[in-house]
Protein backbone atom coordinates (compact mmCIF):
# COMPACT_ATOMS: atom_id res chain seq x y z
CA MET A 1 -15.51 -6.72 11.34
CA LEU A 2 -13.39 -9.85 11.60
CA TYR A 3 -9.62 -9.83 11.20
CA LEU A 4 -8.28 -13.32 10.63
CA ARG A 5 -4.61 -14.27 10.93
CA LYS A 6 -3.10 -17.69 10.54
CA ARG A 7 0.22 -18.26 12.30
CA THR A 8 0.29 -22.01 11.86
CA LYS A 9 0.69 -24.46 9.00
CA SER A 10 -2.32 -26.49 10.09
CA ALA A 11 -5.02 -26.85 7.46
CA LEU A 12 -8.26 -25.20 8.47
CA PRO A 13 -11.78 -26.02 7.33
CA SER A 14 -13.76 -23.29 5.65
CA LEU A 15 -16.18 -21.98 8.27
CA PRO A 16 -18.39 -18.86 8.29
CA PHE A 17 -16.41 -17.24 11.11
CA GLU A 18 -17.68 -13.73 10.42
CA LYS A 19 -21.34 -14.80 10.23
CA ILE A 20 -21.01 -16.68 13.53
CA LYS A 21 -19.30 -13.66 15.13
CA ASP A 22 -22.01 -11.32 13.86
CA PHE A 23 -24.78 -13.59 15.19
CA ILE A 24 -23.28 -13.78 18.69
CA LEU A 25 -21.61 -10.38 19.12
CA GLY A 26 -23.16 -8.21 16.41
CA GLN A 27 -21.78 -6.60 13.27
CA GLY A 28 -20.28 -3.68 15.18
CA TYR A 29 -17.98 -5.91 17.22
CA GLU A 30 -14.38 -5.93 15.96
CA LEU A 31 -12.76 -9.31 16.44
CA SER A 32 -9.22 -10.44 15.80
CA LEU A 33 -9.14 -14.21 15.28
CA VAL A 34 -5.65 -15.71 15.37
CA PHE A 35 -4.77 -19.34 14.69
CA VAL A 36 -1.57 -20.29 16.50
CA GLY A 37 0.63 -23.31 17.10
CA ASP A 38 1.26 -25.19 20.33
CA LYS A 39 4.27 -23.10 21.32
CA LEU A 40 2.49 -19.73 21.31
CA SER A 41 -0.69 -21.26 22.72
CA ARG A 42 1.28 -22.65 25.64
CA LYS A 43 3.10 -19.36 26.21
CA LEU A 44 -0.15 -17.36 26.26
CA ASN A 45 -1.87 -19.91 28.48
CA LYS A 46 1.02 -19.77 30.94
CA GLN A 47 1.15 -15.96 30.87
CA PHE A 48 -2.56 -15.30 31.29
CA ARG A 49 -3.93 -18.38 33.05
CA ASP A 50 -0.82 -19.78 34.78
CA LYS A 51 -1.34 -23.13 33.03
CA ASP A 52 1.80 -24.55 31.46
CA ARG A 53 0.26 -26.33 28.48
CA ALA A 54 -1.11 -25.54 25.05
CA THR A 55 -4.84 -24.85 25.10
CA ASN A 56 -7.63 -24.99 22.55
CA ILE A 57 -8.83 -21.39 22.77
CA LEU A 58 -8.18 -18.16 24.62
CA SER A 59 -10.57 -15.19 24.53
CA PHE A 60 -9.54 -11.65 25.40
CA PRO A 61 -12.24 -8.97 25.64
CA TYR A 62 -10.65 -5.55 25.23
CA SER A 63 -13.86 -3.52 25.42
CA GLU A 64 -17.57 -4.03 24.85
CA THR A 65 -16.99 -3.69 21.11
CA ASP A 66 -13.69 -5.44 20.46
CA GLY A 67 -11.70 -8.47 21.47
CA GLU A 68 -9.35 -11.18 20.33
CA ILE A 69 -9.50 -14.96 20.16
CA PHE A 70 -6.52 -17.29 19.82
CA ILE A 71 -7.24 -20.84 18.64
CA ASP A 72 -4.70 -23.66 18.53
CA PRO A 73 -6.03 -25.95 15.76
CA ASN A 74 -3.57 -28.68 16.81
CA VAL A 75 -5.17 -28.92 20.26
CA VAL A 76 -8.67 -28.66 18.77
CA LYS A 77 -7.86 -31.50 16.35
CA ARG A 78 -6.57 -33.74 19.16
CA GLU A 79 -9.63 -32.98 21.28
CA SER A 80 -12.01 -33.60 18.37
CA LYS A 81 -10.53 -37.07 17.89
CA ARG A 82 -10.84 -37.82 21.60
CA GLU A 83 -14.46 -36.60 21.58
CA GLU A 84 -15.13 -38.48 18.32
CA GLU A 85 -16.29 -35.26 16.67
CA LYS A 86 -15.57 -34.00 13.18
CA PHE A 87 -12.70 -31.48 13.31
CA SER A 88 -14.69 -28.79 11.50
CA SER A 89 -17.67 -29.18 13.86
CA TYR A 90 -15.49 -29.11 16.95
CA LEU A 91 -13.62 -26.05 15.67
CA ALA A 92 -16.95 -24.28 15.05
CA TYR A 93 -18.05 -25.16 18.58
CA MET A 94 -14.78 -23.89 20.08
CA PHE A 95 -15.18 -20.62 18.18
CA ILE A 96 -18.76 -20.26 19.46
CA HIS A 97 -17.50 -21.03 22.97
CA GLY A 98 -14.85 -18.32 22.74
CA LEU A 99 -17.37 -15.80 21.43
CA THR A 100 -19.75 -16.45 24.30
CA HIS A 101 -16.89 -15.73 26.71
CA LEU A 102 -16.36 -12.42 24.90
CA LYS A 103 -20.07 -11.75 25.33
CA GLY A 104 -19.50 -11.96 29.08
CA PHE A 105 -20.56 -15.50 29.92
CA ASP A 106 -18.71 -17.83 32.27
CA HIS A 107 -18.96 -21.62 32.16
CA GLY A 108 -22.36 -22.85 33.24
CA SER A 109 -25.96 -23.36 32.15
CA LYS A 110 -26.49 -19.78 30.90
CA MET A 111 -23.43 -20.08 28.67
CA GLU A 112 -24.66 -23.41 27.33
CA VAL A 113 -28.02 -21.83 26.43
CA GLU A 114 -26.19 -19.11 24.46
CA GLU A 115 -23.94 -21.66 22.74
CA ASN A 116 -26.94 -23.80 21.82
CA LYS A 117 -28.66 -20.83 20.16
CA ALA A 118 -25.65 -20.43 17.86
CA LYS A 119 -25.36 -24.18 17.27
CA LYS A 120 -29.02 -24.23 16.26
CA LYS A 121 -28.59 -21.23 13.95
CA PHE A 122 -25.57 -22.86 12.27
CA ALA A 123 -26.84 -26.45 12.55
CA GLU A 124 -25.39 -27.41 9.15
CA LEU A 125 -21.90 -27.16 10.69
CA PHE A 126 -22.73 -29.84 13.24
CA LEU A 127 -24.15 -32.55 10.97
């Protein structure tokens, strides 16, 4: 199950968030996906990572079967421009990245392999 909340006025592309979540974490995983603005993103990043700036995504695993992801679309949009990526593609990648953290992966080659499996499965999002 996917619970989606939008706490920002930023426009969001239509992405198959639940299908991506199910592919990476399984249908039994309960995920809360929250879109937030820079202020809350910065506050959470400071509180949980001791970094005093807004961030693109934060993943919080609560158990093996549920977790929460916070995405700041403003940061993602700025980063997508810098990376010369389409906003919707970069947002999909960030979501995949957050899900792989919830699956237990840390940054590195194993995480990239997992992310690439999802990118291949949802290749139409990255055209």
